[in-house]
């Protein structure tokens, strides 16, 4: 901490700074508590989404193996014929002052017309397998947004914890020590002034 001369103005300045720092630490603690609630809520959502994703992957894999067993290598040509490009839109949401990227949800499961394949010629097994993995894509996008939010909130909690520790363990004690130093110096100066005043009065009384 910077050195301050022992004056009453500097004592007032340090006391003001101390109040500001304590208020800042209190606000950071309130923010961190709110973030912690959001963090644990997000953890629960991510776990639930992960469980759902694993089940969807299992079902989609089963549909794929079934289609492969009945259609053989013809399944590859069907997949190639119905391939498509996928674009994702990413927006930024503000959560407790934190900018969190969020992937906009889209419906990846296509209609029969959008597939551009014949259910009669290709069979329903290939279509069901495709639907299964499109549902998986839906779930992946949702869980990606959730986990990005979880990561950003966790990073902000760590950053706020470091700030709180710096305030409460370094800056506040340092300012308190500075206040005590100035108070002791002022008290000593006041005692000296009183002592000099008493000596002066005694000398005046002799004359």
N, C-alpha and C. Protein backbone atom coordinates (compact mmCIF):
# COMPACT_ATOMS: atom_id res chain seq x y z
N UNK A 1 0.85 -1.20 0.00
CA UNK A 1 0.00 0.00 0.00
C UNK A 1 0.88 1.24 0.00
N UNK A 2 0.44 2.30 -0.67
CA UNK A 2 1.20 3.54 -0.72
C UNK A 2 1.30 4.18 0.67
N UNK A 3 2.38 4.90 0.87
CA UNK A 3 2.63 5.55 2.16
C UNK A 3 1.81 6.81 2.29
N UNK A 4 1.24 7.02 3.46
CA UNK A 4 0.46 8.22 3.74
C UNK A 4 1.08 8.94 4.93
N UNK A 5 1.15 10.26 4.81
CA UNK A 5 1.62 11.02 5.96
C UNK A 5 0.54 11.01 7.03
N UNK A 6 0.96 11.16 8.27
CA UNK A 6 0.03 11.04 9.41
C UNK A 6 -0.75 12.33 9.61
N UNK A 7 -1.79 12.49 8.81
CA UNK A 7 -2.66 13.66 8.93
C UNK A 7 -4.12 13.18 9.05
N UNK A 8 -4.95 14.04 9.58
CA UNK A 8 -6.36 13.69 9.75
C UNK A 8 -7.06 13.54 8.41
N UNK A 9 -6.63 14.29 7.40
CA UNK A 9 -7.22 14.16 6.06
C UNK A 9 -6.94 12.77 5.49
N UNK A 10 -5.69 12.32 5.64
CA UNK A 10 -5.33 10.98 5.16
C UNK A 10 -6.06 9.89 5.96
N UNK A 11 -6.27 10.14 7.24
CA UNK A 11 -7.03 9.17 8.06
C UNK A 11 -8.46 9.06 7.54
N UNK A 12 -9.07 10.22 7.22
CA UNK A 12 -10.42 10.22 6.67
C UNK A 12 -10.46 9.53 5.31
N UNK A 13 -9.41 9.76 4.50
CA UNK A 13 -9.33 9.14 3.17
C UNK A 13 -9.24 7.62 3.28
N UNK A 14 -8.40 7.14 4.21
CA UNK A 14 -8.25 5.69 4.38
C UNK A 14 -9.52 5.05 4.92
N UNK A 15 -10.18 5.72 5.84
CA UNK A 15 -11.45 5.19 6.35
C UNK A 15 -12.51 5.10 5.25
N UNK A 16 -12.51 6.10 4.36
CA UNK A 16 -13.45 6.07 3.22
C UNK A 16 -13.12 4.92 2.29
N UNK A 17 -11.83 4.74 2.02
CA UNK A 17 -11.41 3.63 1.16
C UNK A 17 -11.79 2.29 1.77
N UNK A 18 -11.63 2.18 3.06
CA UNK A 18 -11.96 0.93 3.76
C UNK A 18 -13.45 0.60 3.60
N UNK A 19 -14.29 1.62 3.75
CA UNK A 19 -15.73 1.40 3.59
C UNK A 19 -16.07 0.96 2.16
N UNK A 20 -15.41 1.59 1.18
CA UNK A 20 -15.65 1.24 -0.22
C UNK A 20 -15.23 -0.20 -0.50
N UNK A 21 -14.06 -0.58 0.00
CA UNK A 21 -13.57 -1.95 -0.21
C UNK A 21 -14.47 -2.98 0.45
N UNK A 22 -14.92 -2.69 1.67
CA UNK A 22 -15.82 -3.62 2.35
C UNK A 22 -17.13 -3.76 1.60
N UNK A 23 -17.63 -2.63 1.09
CA UNK A 23 -18.86 -2.65 0.31
C UNK A 23 -18.67 -3.44 -0.98
N UNK A 24 -17.51 -3.25 -1.62
CA UNK A 24 -17.22 -3.99 -2.85
C UNK A 24 -17.13 -5.48 -2.61
N UNK A 25 -16.48 -5.86 -1.51
CA UNK A 25 -16.37 -7.28 -1.16
C UNK A 25 -17.74 -7.89 -0.89
N UNK A 26 -18.60 -7.12 -0.23
CA UNK A 26 -19.96 -7.60 0.07
C UNK A 26 -20.75 -7.81 -1.22
N UNK A 27 -20.63 -6.88 -2.16
CA UNK A 27 -21.32 -7.01 -3.44
C UNK A 27 -20.82 -8.21 -4.23
N UNK A 28 -19.49 -8.41 -4.20
CA UNK A 28 -18.91 -9.56 -4.90
C UNK A 28 -19.39 -10.88 -4.29
N UNK A 29 -19.52 -10.90 -2.96
CA UNK A 29 -20.02 -12.11 -2.30
C UNK A 29 -21.46 -12.39 -2.70
N UNK A 30 -22.27 -11.34 -2.78
CA UNK A 30 -23.67 -11.52 -3.20
C UNK A 30 -23.75 -12.03 -4.63
N UNK A 31 -22.91 -11.45 -5.49
CA UNK A 31 -22.87 -11.89 -6.88
C UNK A 31 -22.42 -13.34 -6.98
N UNK A 32 -21.39 -13.70 -6.20
CA UNK A 32 -20.87 -15.07 -6.24
C UNK A 32 -21.92 -16.07 -5.75
N UNK A 33 -22.68 -15.70 -4.73
CA UNK A 33 -23.73 -16.59 -4.23
C UNK A 33 -24.80 -16.83 -5.30
N UNK A 34 -25.16 -15.76 -6.02
CA UNK A 34 -26.15 -15.90 -7.10
C UNK A 34 -25.59 -16.78 -8.22
N UNK A 35 -24.31 -16.58 -8.54
CA UNK A 35 -23.67 -17.40 -9.57
C UNK A 35 -23.58 -18.86 -9.15
N UNK A 36 -23.31 -19.10 -7.86
CA UNK A 36 -23.22 -20.47 -7.37
C UNK A 36 -24.57 -21.19 -7.53
N UNK A 37 -25.67 -20.49 -7.22
CA UNK A 37 -26.99 -21.08 -7.40
C UNK A 37 -27.22 -21.44 -8.87
N UNK A 38 -26.87 -20.51 -9.75
CA UNK A 38 -27.02 -20.76 -11.18
C UNK A 38 -26.12 -21.90 -11.63
N UNK A 39 -24.90 -21.96 -11.06
CA UNK A 39 -23.93 -22.99 -11.42
C UNK A 39 -24.46 -24.39 -11.09
N UNK A 40 -24.94 -24.57 -9.86
CA UNK A 40 -25.42 -25.89 -9.46
C UNK A 40 -26.70 -26.28 -10.20
N UNK A 41 -27.53 -25.28 -10.51
CA UNK A 41 -28.71 -25.55 -11.33
C UNK A 41 -28.29 -26.03 -12.71
N UNK A 42 -27.27 -25.38 -13.26
CA UNK A 42 -26.77 -25.73 -14.59
C UNK A 42 -26.12 -27.12 -14.57
N UNK A 43 -25.45 -27.46 -13.47
CA UNK A 43 -24.85 -28.79 -13.33
C UNK A 43 -25.93 -29.86 -13.43
N UNK A 44 -27.04 -29.65 -12.70
CA UNK A 44 -28.15 -30.60 -12.74
C UNK A 44 -28.72 -30.75 -14.14
N UNK A 45 -28.87 -29.61 -14.84
CA UNK A 45 -29.41 -29.65 -16.20
C UNK A 45 -28.47 -30.40 -17.14
N UNK A 46 -27.16 -30.15 -16.99
CA UNK A 46 -26.18 -30.82 -17.86
C UNK A 46 -26.16 -32.32 -17.63
N UNK A 47 -26.25 -32.73 -16.38
CA UNK A 47 -26.27 -34.16 -16.08
C UNK A 47 -27.52 -34.83 -16.67
N UNK A 48 -28.65 -34.13 -16.54
CA UNK A 48 -29.89 -34.67 -17.08
C UNK A 48 -29.83 -34.77 -18.61
N UNK A 49 -29.25 -33.73 -19.24
CA UNK A 49 -29.12 -33.74 -20.69
C UNK A 49 -28.15 -34.81 -21.16
N UNK A 50 -27.07 -35.02 -20.39
CA UNK A 50 -26.10 -36.07 -20.73
C UNK A 50 -26.75 -37.45 -20.69
N UNK A 51 -27.55 -37.67 -19.68
CA UNK A 51 -28.25 -38.96 -19.55
C UNK A 51 -29.18 -39.17 -20.75
N UNK A 52 -29.92 -38.12 -21.10
CA UNK A 52 -30.83 -38.19 -22.25
C UNK A 52 -30.06 -38.43 -23.54
N UNK A 53 -28.90 -37.76 -23.69
CA UNK A 53 -28.08 -37.92 -24.89
C UNK A 53 -27.57 -39.35 -25.03
N UNK A 54 -27.11 -39.93 -23.92
CA UNK A 54 -26.61 -41.31 -23.95
C UNK A 54 -27.70 -42.29 -24.38
N UNK A 55 -28.92 -42.07 -23.91
CA UNK A 55 -30.04 -42.94 -24.30
C UNK A 55 -30.35 -42.78 -25.78
N UNK A 56 -30.32 -41.53 -26.26
CA UNK A 56 -30.60 -41.29 -27.68
C UNK A 56 -29.51 -41.89 -28.57
N UNK A 57 -28.26 -41.81 -28.12
CA UNK A 57 -27.16 -42.42 -28.88
C UNK A 57 -27.32 -43.94 -28.94
N UNK A 58 -27.71 -44.51 -27.84
CA UNK A 58 -27.92 -45.95 -27.80
C UNK A 58 -29.02 -46.37 -28.78
N UNK A 59 -30.14 -45.65 -28.75
CA UNK A 59 -31.26 -45.97 -29.65
C UNK A 59 -30.88 -45.76 -31.11
N UNK A 60 -30.16 -44.65 -31.38
CA UNK A 60 -29.76 -44.36 -32.76
C UNK A 60 -28.78 -45.42 -33.28
N UNK A 61 -27.85 -45.84 -32.42
CA UNK A 61 -26.90 -46.88 -32.83
C UNK A 61 -27.62 -48.19 -33.12
N UNK A 62 -28.63 -48.50 -32.33
CA UNK A 62 -29.41 -49.73 -32.55
C UNK A 62 -30.13 -49.66 -33.90
N UNK A 63 -30.75 -48.50 -34.20
CA UNK A 63 -31.44 -48.33 -35.48
C UNK A 63 -30.46 -48.44 -36.64
N UNK A 64 -29.25 -47.90 -36.46
CA UNK A 64 -28.25 -47.96 -37.52
C UNK A 64 -27.79 -49.39 -37.78
N UNK A 65 -27.53 -50.15 -36.73
CA UNK A 65 -27.11 -51.55 -36.90
C UNK A 65 -28.22 -52.37 -37.55
N UNK A 66 -29.46 -52.07 -37.19
CA UNK A 66 -30.60 -52.79 -37.76
C UNK A 66 -30.71 -52.51 -39.26
N UNK A 67 -30.57 -51.20 -39.60
CA UNK A 67 -30.64 -50.83 -41.01
C UNK A 67 -29.49 -51.44 -41.81
N UNK A 68 -28.31 -51.47 -41.21
CA UNK A 68 -27.13 -52.04 -41.88
C UNK A 68 -27.31 -53.54 -42.11
N UNK A 69 -27.94 -54.19 -41.15
CA UNK A 69 -28.15 -55.64 -41.28
C UNK A 69 -29.09 -55.97 -42.43
N UNK A 70 -30.11 -55.13 -42.65
CA UNK A 70 -31.11 -55.42 -43.69
C UNK A 70 -30.73 -54.83 -45.05
N UNK A 71 -30.10 -53.66 -45.03
CA UNK A 71 -29.81 -52.97 -46.29
C UNK A 71 -28.41 -53.19 -46.80
N UNK A 72 -27.49 -53.58 -45.92
CA UNK A 72 -26.11 -53.80 -46.33
C UNK A 72 -25.44 -52.52 -46.78
N UNK A 73 -24.61 -52.62 -47.83
CA UNK A 73 -23.86 -51.46 -48.31
C UNK A 73 -24.74 -50.42 -48.97
N UNK A 74 -25.96 -50.78 -49.29
CA UNK A 74 -26.88 -49.81 -49.90
C UNK A 74 -27.18 -48.66 -48.95
N UNK A 75 -26.97 -48.91 -47.67
CA UNK A 75 -27.21 -47.86 -46.66
C UNK A 75 -26.28 -46.68 -46.87
N UNK A 76 -25.02 -46.95 -47.33
CA UNK A 76 -24.06 -45.88 -47.53
C UNK A 76 -24.49 -44.94 -48.66
N UNK A 77 -25.02 -45.51 -49.73
CA UNK A 77 -25.47 -44.67 -50.84
C UNK A 77 -26.69 -43.84 -50.44
N UNK A 78 -27.53 -44.41 -49.58
CA UNK A 78 -28.69 -43.67 -49.07
C UNK A 78 -28.23 -42.50 -48.22
N UNK A 79 -27.25 -42.76 -47.37
CA UNK A 79 -26.73 -41.70 -46.50
C UNK A 79 -26.08 -40.60 -47.33
N UNK A 80 -25.32 -40.99 -48.38
CA UNK A 80 -24.65 -40.00 -49.22
C UNK A 80 -25.66 -39.15 -49.97
N UNK A 81 -26.76 -39.78 -50.39
CA UNK A 81 -27.77 -39.05 -51.18
C UNK A 81 -28.52 -38.02 -50.33
N UNK A 82 -28.62 -38.29 -49.05
CA UNK A 82 -29.40 -37.38 -48.19
C UNK A 82 -28.52 -36.48 -47.31
N UNK A 83 -27.22 -36.39 -47.64
CA UNK A 83 -26.34 -35.56 -46.81
C UNK A 83 -26.68 -34.08 -46.98
N UNK A 84 -26.30 -33.28 -46.04
CA UNK A 84 -26.61 -31.84 -46.09
C UNK A 84 -25.61 -31.06 -45.24
N UNK A 85 -25.52 -29.77 -45.52
CA UNK A 85 -24.70 -28.87 -44.71
C UNK A 85 -25.55 -28.32 -43.57
N UNK A 86 -24.92 -28.15 -42.43
CA UNK A 86 -25.63 -27.64 -41.24
C UNK A 86 -24.95 -26.37 -40.76
N UNK A 87 -25.71 -25.32 -40.57
CA UNK A 87 -25.17 -24.06 -40.04
C UNK A 87 -25.76 -23.81 -38.66
N UNK A 88 -24.95 -23.24 -37.80
CA UNK A 88 -25.38 -22.92 -36.44
C UNK A 88 -25.29 -21.42 -36.21
N UNK A 89 -26.28 -20.88 -35.57
CA UNK A 89 -26.29 -19.46 -35.21
C UNK A 89 -25.94 -19.32 -33.73
N UNK A 90 -24.92 -18.52 -33.46
CA UNK A 90 -24.47 -18.33 -32.08
C UNK A 90 -24.77 -16.90 -31.64
N UNK A 91 -25.48 -16.79 -30.54
CA UNK A 91 -25.79 -15.48 -29.96
C UNK A 91 -25.13 -15.36 -28.59
N UNK A 92 -24.98 -14.14 -28.14
CA UNK A 92 -24.37 -13.88 -26.83
C UNK A 92 -25.44 -13.41 -25.86
N UNK A 93 -25.57 -14.13 -24.76
CA UNK A 93 -26.51 -13.75 -23.72
C UNK A 93 -25.75 -13.18 -22.53
N UNK A 94 -26.39 -12.22 -21.85
CA UNK A 94 -25.78 -11.62 -20.67
C UNK A 94 -26.41 -12.23 -19.41
N UNK A 95 -25.58 -12.94 -18.64
CA UNK A 95 -26.04 -13.59 -17.42
C UNK A 95 -25.22 -13.06 -16.26
N UNK A 96 -25.86 -12.27 -15.37
CA UNK A 96 -25.17 -11.66 -14.23
C UNK A 96 -23.92 -10.89 -14.66
N UNK A 97 -24.06 -10.19 -15.79
CA UNK A 97 -22.94 -9.39 -16.28
C UNK A 97 -21.90 -10.18 -17.04
N UNK A 98 -22.17 -11.46 -17.32
CA UNK A 98 -21.23 -12.32 -18.04
C UNK A 98 -21.76 -12.56 -19.45
N UNK A 99 -20.92 -12.37 -20.45
CA UNK A 99 -21.31 -12.66 -21.83
C UNK A 99 -21.11 -14.15 -22.10
N UNK A 100 -22.21 -14.85 -22.34
CA UNK A 100 -22.16 -16.30 -22.53
C UNK A 100 -22.65 -16.64 -23.93
N UNK A 101 -21.80 -17.29 -24.76
CA UNK A 101 -22.26 -17.71 -26.09
C UNK A 101 -23.36 -18.76 -25.97
N UNK A 102 -24.37 -18.64 -26.80
CA UNK A 102 -25.48 -19.58 -26.79
C UNK A 102 -25.81 -19.99 -28.22
N UNK A 103 -25.87 -21.30 -28.46
CA UNK A 103 -26.19 -21.80 -29.80
C UNK A 103 -27.70 -21.83 -29.95
N UNK A 104 -28.19 -21.15 -30.98
CA UNK A 104 -29.62 -21.10 -31.21
C UNK A 104 -30.14 -22.48 -31.61
N UNK A 105 -31.19 -22.92 -30.95
CA UNK A 105 -31.73 -24.24 -31.23
C UNK A 105 -32.44 -24.30 -32.58
N UNK A 106 -32.18 -25.37 -33.31
CA UNK A 106 -32.84 -25.61 -34.58
C UNK A 106 -33.40 -27.03 -34.58
N UNK A 107 -34.40 -27.23 -35.40
CA UNK A 107 -34.96 -28.58 -35.53
C UNK A 107 -34.18 -29.32 -36.61
N UNK A 108 -33.36 -30.27 -36.21
CA UNK A 108 -32.54 -31.01 -37.17
C UNK A 108 -33.28 -32.21 -37.77
N UNK A 109 -34.35 -32.64 -37.12
CA UNK A 109 -35.13 -33.77 -37.66
C UNK A 109 -35.92 -33.29 -38.86
N UNK A 110 -35.66 -33.89 -40.02
CA UNK A 110 -36.27 -33.44 -41.27
C UNK A 110 -37.58 -34.16 -41.56
N UNK A 111 -38.38 -33.50 -42.38
CA UNK A 111 -39.61 -34.13 -42.87
C UNK A 111 -39.25 -35.08 -44.00
N UNK A 112 -40.21 -35.86 -44.42
CA UNK A 112 -39.98 -36.82 -45.51
C UNK A 112 -39.61 -36.11 -46.80
N UNK A 113 -40.28 -34.96 -47.07
CA UNK A 113 -39.99 -34.22 -48.30
C UNK A 113 -38.56 -33.66 -48.28
N UNK A 114 -38.12 -33.22 -47.11
CA UNK A 114 -36.78 -32.64 -47.02
C UNK A 114 -35.68 -33.67 -47.22
N UNK A 115 -35.98 -34.93 -46.99
CA UNK A 115 -34.95 -35.98 -47.13
C UNK A 115 -34.66 -36.29 -48.60
N UNK A 116 -35.62 -36.03 -49.44
CA UNK A 116 -35.44 -36.27 -50.88
C UNK A 116 -35.12 -37.74 -51.20
N UNK A 117 -35.71 -38.65 -50.41
CA UNK A 117 -35.56 -40.07 -50.68
C UNK A 117 -36.94 -40.73 -50.56
N UNK A 118 -37.10 -41.85 -51.20
CA UNK A 118 -38.38 -42.54 -51.20
C UNK A 118 -38.45 -43.54 -50.05
N UNK A 119 -39.47 -43.44 -49.21
CA UNK A 119 -39.61 -44.41 -48.12
C UNK A 119 -39.88 -45.81 -48.64
N UNK A 120 -40.43 -45.89 -49.87
CA UNK A 120 -40.72 -47.20 -50.45
C UNK A 120 -39.43 -47.84 -50.97
N UNK A 121 -38.66 -47.04 -51.69
CA UNK A 121 -37.44 -47.59 -52.28
C UNK A 121 -36.34 -47.83 -51.26
N UNK A 122 -36.21 -46.94 -50.29
CA UNK A 122 -35.11 -47.03 -49.34
C UNK A 122 -35.48 -47.81 -48.08
N UNK A 123 -36.76 -47.87 -47.78
CA UNK A 123 -37.16 -48.58 -46.57
C UNK A 123 -37.18 -47.67 -45.36
N UNK A 124 -38.04 -48.03 -44.44
CA UNK A 124 -38.20 -47.20 -43.25
C UNK A 124 -37.02 -47.34 -42.28
N UNK A 125 -36.27 -48.42 -42.38
CA UNK A 125 -35.16 -48.62 -41.44
C UNK A 125 -34.10 -47.53 -41.59
N UNK A 126 -33.77 -47.18 -42.83
CA UNK A 126 -32.78 -46.13 -43.08
C UNK A 126 -33.29 -44.79 -42.58
N UNK A 127 -34.58 -44.55 -42.80
CA UNK A 127 -35.16 -43.27 -42.37
C UNK A 127 -35.18 -43.17 -40.84
N UNK A 128 -35.53 -44.25 -40.18
CA UNK A 128 -35.55 -44.25 -38.72
C UNK A 128 -34.15 -44.07 -38.14
N UNK A 129 -33.15 -44.68 -38.80
CA UNK A 129 -31.77 -44.51 -38.35
C UNK A 129 -31.34 -43.05 -38.48
N UNK A 130 -31.72 -42.44 -39.61
CA UNK A 130 -31.39 -41.02 -39.83
C UNK A 130 -32.07 -40.14 -38.80
N UNK A 131 -33.34 -40.42 -38.53
CA UNK A 131 -34.08 -39.66 -37.52
C UNK A 131 -33.41 -39.75 -36.15
N UNK A 132 -32.96 -40.96 -35.82
CA UNK A 132 -32.31 -41.17 -34.52
C UNK A 132 -31.10 -40.28 -34.34
N UNK A 133 -30.27 -40.19 -35.39
CA UNK A 133 -29.05 -39.38 -35.27
C UNK A 133 -29.35 -37.89 -35.39
N UNK A 134 -30.44 -37.54 -36.06
CA UNK A 134 -30.84 -36.13 -36.08
C UNK A 134 -31.32 -35.69 -34.70
N UNK A 135 -31.99 -36.58 -34.00
CA UNK A 135 -32.38 -36.29 -32.62
C UNK A 135 -31.14 -36.12 -31.74
N UNK A 136 -30.12 -36.94 -32.01
CA UNK A 136 -28.86 -36.81 -31.27
C UNK A 136 -28.24 -35.44 -31.51
N UNK A 137 -28.30 -34.96 -32.75
CA UNK A 137 -27.76 -33.63 -33.07
C UNK A 137 -28.50 -32.55 -32.30
N UNK A 138 -29.83 -32.69 -32.22
CA UNK A 138 -30.62 -31.74 -31.43
C UNK A 138 -30.12 -31.69 -29.99
N UNK A 139 -29.92 -32.88 -29.42
CA UNK A 139 -29.49 -32.97 -28.02
C UNK A 139 -28.08 -32.42 -27.83
N UNK A 140 -27.19 -32.64 -28.81
CA UNK A 140 -25.80 -32.16 -28.71
C UNK A 140 -25.77 -30.64 -28.67
N UNK A 141 -26.58 -30.00 -29.51
CA UNK A 141 -26.63 -28.53 -29.53
C UNK A 141 -27.12 -27.98 -28.20
N UNK A 142 -28.15 -28.61 -27.64
CA UNK A 142 -28.70 -28.15 -26.35
C UNK A 142 -27.66 -28.31 -25.25
N UNK A 143 -27.01 -29.47 -25.20
CA UNK A 143 -26.05 -29.71 -24.13
C UNK A 143 -24.80 -28.86 -24.31
N UNK A 144 -24.44 -28.55 -25.56
CA UNK A 144 -23.28 -27.68 -25.81
C UNK A 144 -23.51 -26.29 -25.22
N UNK A 145 -24.72 -25.75 -25.44
CA UNK A 145 -25.05 -24.44 -24.88
C UNK A 145 -25.02 -24.47 -23.36
N UNK A 146 -25.55 -25.55 -22.79
CA UNK A 146 -25.59 -25.69 -21.33
C UNK A 146 -24.19 -25.78 -20.75
N UNK A 147 -23.30 -26.55 -21.39
CA UNK A 147 -21.95 -26.73 -20.87
C UNK A 147 -21.09 -25.49 -21.07
N UNK A 148 -21.34 -24.75 -22.14
CA UNK A 148 -20.62 -23.47 -22.33
C UNK A 148 -21.00 -22.51 -21.20
N UNK A 149 -22.29 -22.45 -20.90
CA UNK A 149 -22.75 -21.59 -19.81
C UNK A 149 -22.14 -22.04 -18.48
N UNK A 150 -22.11 -23.35 -18.25
CA UNK A 150 -21.54 -23.88 -17.02
C UNK A 150 -20.07 -23.48 -16.88
N UNK A 151 -19.34 -23.59 -17.98
CA UNK A 151 -17.91 -23.24 -17.96
C UNK A 151 -17.70 -21.76 -17.67
N UNK A 152 -18.47 -20.89 -18.35
CA UNK A 152 -18.29 -19.45 -18.18
C UNK A 152 -18.67 -19.01 -16.76
N UNK A 153 -19.77 -19.57 -16.23
CA UNK A 153 -20.18 -19.23 -14.86
C UNK A 153 -19.13 -19.71 -13.87
N UNK A 154 -18.58 -20.91 -14.09
CA UNK A 154 -17.53 -21.43 -13.20
C UNK A 154 -16.29 -20.55 -13.23
N UNK A 155 -15.91 -20.08 -14.41
CA UNK A 155 -14.75 -19.18 -14.54
C UNK A 155 -14.99 -17.87 -13.79
N UNK A 156 -16.21 -17.35 -13.89
CA UNK A 156 -16.55 -16.09 -13.22
C UNK A 156 -16.54 -16.26 -11.70
N UNK A 157 -16.99 -17.43 -11.23
CA UNK A 157 -16.97 -17.71 -9.79
C UNK A 157 -15.53 -17.73 -9.28
N UNK A 158 -14.64 -18.38 -10.04
CA UNK A 158 -13.22 -18.41 -9.65
C UNK A 158 -12.63 -17.00 -9.63
N UNK A 159 -12.96 -16.21 -10.66
CA UNK A 159 -12.43 -14.84 -10.73
C UNK A 159 -12.93 -13.99 -9.56
N UNK A 160 -14.22 -14.11 -9.24
CA UNK A 160 -14.78 -13.36 -8.11
C UNK A 160 -14.17 -13.81 -6.79
N UNK A 161 -13.90 -15.10 -6.65
CA UNK A 161 -13.28 -15.61 -5.43
C UNK A 161 -11.89 -15.01 -5.25
N UNK A 162 -11.13 -14.94 -6.34
CA UNK A 162 -9.79 -14.32 -6.27
C UNK A 162 -9.88 -12.85 -5.88
N UNK A 163 -10.87 -12.14 -6.43
CA UNK A 163 -11.04 -10.72 -6.10
C UNK A 163 -11.41 -10.55 -4.62
N UNK A 164 -12.32 -11.39 -4.14
CA UNK A 164 -12.74 -11.31 -2.73
C UNK A 164 -11.56 -11.58 -1.81
N UNK A 165 -10.76 -12.61 -2.14
CA UNK A 165 -9.58 -12.94 -1.33
C UNK A 165 -8.58 -11.79 -1.33
N UNK A 166 -8.39 -11.18 -2.50
CA UNK A 166 -7.45 -10.04 -2.59
C UNK A 166 -7.93 -8.88 -1.74
N UNK A 167 -9.23 -8.62 -1.78
CA UNK A 167 -9.79 -7.52 -0.98
C UNK A 167 -9.68 -7.80 0.51
N UNK A 168 -10.16 -8.99 0.93
CA UNK A 168 -10.29 -9.28 2.36
C UNK A 168 -8.97 -9.71 3.01
N UNK A 169 -8.06 -10.26 2.24
CA UNK A 169 -6.82 -10.77 2.83
C UNK A 169 -5.61 -9.88 2.58
N UNK A 170 -5.70 -8.96 1.62
CA UNK A 170 -4.54 -8.11 1.31
C UNK A 170 -4.88 -6.63 1.48
N UNK A 171 -5.84 -6.14 0.69
CA UNK A 171 -6.10 -4.70 0.68
C UNK A 171 -6.72 -4.19 1.98
N UNK A 172 -7.77 -4.87 2.47
CA UNK A 172 -8.43 -4.41 3.70
C UNK A 172 -7.48 -4.44 4.90
N UNK A 173 -6.74 -5.55 5.14
CA UNK A 173 -5.79 -5.55 6.27
C UNK A 173 -4.72 -4.48 6.12
N UNK A 174 -4.26 -4.24 4.87
CA UNK A 174 -3.24 -3.23 4.64
C UNK A 174 -3.75 -1.83 5.00
N UNK A 175 -4.98 -1.54 4.60
CA UNK A 175 -5.56 -0.22 4.92
C UNK A 175 -5.82 -0.10 6.42
N UNK A 176 -6.27 -1.19 7.04
CA UNK A 176 -6.49 -1.16 8.50
C UNK A 176 -5.18 -0.87 9.23
N UNK A 177 -4.08 -1.47 8.78
CA UNK A 177 -2.77 -1.20 9.40
C UNK A 177 -2.37 0.26 9.20
N UNK A 178 -2.66 0.77 7.99
CA UNK A 178 -2.36 2.18 7.73
C UNK A 178 -3.17 3.10 8.63
N UNK A 179 -4.43 2.77 8.84
CA UNK A 179 -5.30 3.57 9.72
C UNK A 179 -4.75 3.55 11.15
N UNK A 180 -4.37 2.35 11.63
CA UNK A 180 -3.83 2.23 12.99
C UNK A 180 -2.54 3.02 13.15
N UNK A 181 -1.69 2.98 12.12
CA UNK A 181 -0.43 3.72 12.17
C UNK A 181 -0.67 5.22 12.28
N UNK A 182 -1.59 5.71 11.45
CA UNK A 182 -1.89 7.15 11.49
C UNK A 182 -2.55 7.52 12.81
N UNK A 183 -3.46 6.68 13.31
CA UNK A 183 -4.12 6.97 14.59
C UNK A 183 -3.11 7.02 15.73
N UNK A 184 -2.16 6.07 15.74
CA UNK A 184 -1.12 6.10 16.80
C UNK A 184 -0.28 7.34 16.69
N UNK A 185 0.10 7.72 15.47
CA UNK A 185 0.92 8.92 15.27
C UNK A 185 0.16 10.17 15.72
N UNK A 186 -1.13 10.24 15.39
CA UNK A 186 -1.93 11.40 15.79
C UNK A 186 -2.12 11.45 17.31
N UNK A 187 -2.32 10.29 17.93
CA UNK A 187 -2.46 10.24 19.39
C UNK A 187 -1.16 10.67 20.06
N UNK A 188 -0.04 10.19 19.53
CA UNK A 188 1.26 10.58 20.09
C UNK A 188 1.48 12.07 19.93
N UNK A 189 1.13 12.61 18.78
CA UNK A 189 1.28 14.03 18.53
C UNK A 189 0.39 14.84 19.47
N UNK A 190 -0.82 14.33 19.70
CA UNK A 190 -1.75 15.01 20.60
C UNK A 190 -1.22 15.02 22.03
N UNK A 191 -0.65 13.87 22.47
CA UNK A 191 -0.05 13.82 23.82
C UNK A 191 1.10 14.79 23.94
N UNK A 192 1.91 14.87 22.92
CA UNK A 192 3.03 15.81 22.94
C UNK A 192 2.54 17.25 22.99
N UNK A 193 1.50 17.55 22.25
CA UNK A 193 0.94 18.90 22.26
C UNK A 193 0.39 19.25 23.65
N UNK A 194 -0.30 18.28 24.26
CA UNK A 194 -0.84 18.51 25.62
C UNK A 194 0.30 18.72 26.61
N UNK A 195 1.36 17.90 26.47
CA UNK A 195 2.51 18.02 27.38
C UNK A 195 3.18 19.38 27.21
N UNK A 196 3.37 19.83 25.96
CA UNK A 196 3.98 21.14 25.72
C UNK A 196 3.10 22.26 26.26
N UNK A 197 1.77 22.10 26.10
CA UNK A 197 0.85 23.12 26.59
C UNK A 197 0.91 23.23 28.11
N UNK A 198 0.99 22.07 28.81
CA UNK A 198 1.11 22.08 30.26
C UNK A 198 2.41 22.74 30.70
N UNK A 199 3.51 22.44 30.03
CA UNK A 199 4.79 23.06 30.36
C UNK A 199 4.74 24.57 30.15
N UNK A 200 4.07 24.95 29.05
CA UNK A 200 3.95 26.38 28.76
C UNK A 200 3.14 27.08 29.85
N UNK A 201 2.05 26.44 30.30
CA UNK A 201 1.22 27.04 31.35
C UNK A 201 1.99 27.15 32.66
N UNK A 202 2.80 26.13 32.98
CA UNK A 202 3.61 26.18 34.20
C UNK A 202 4.61 27.32 34.15
N UNK A 203 5.22 27.48 33.00
CA UNK A 203 6.21 28.56 32.86
C UNK A 203 5.52 29.91 32.98
N UNK A 204 4.35 30.05 32.40
CA UNK A 204 3.62 31.32 32.50
C UNK A 204 3.22 31.59 33.94
N UNK A 205 2.90 30.53 34.70
CA UNK A 205 2.47 30.71 36.08
C UNK A 205 3.62 31.21 36.96
N UNK A 206 4.88 30.93 36.60
CA UNK A 206 6.02 31.36 37.41
C UNK A 206 6.28 32.86 37.26
N UNK A 207 5.88 33.42 36.16
CA UNK A 207 6.13 34.84 35.93
C UNK A 207 4.96 35.73 36.36
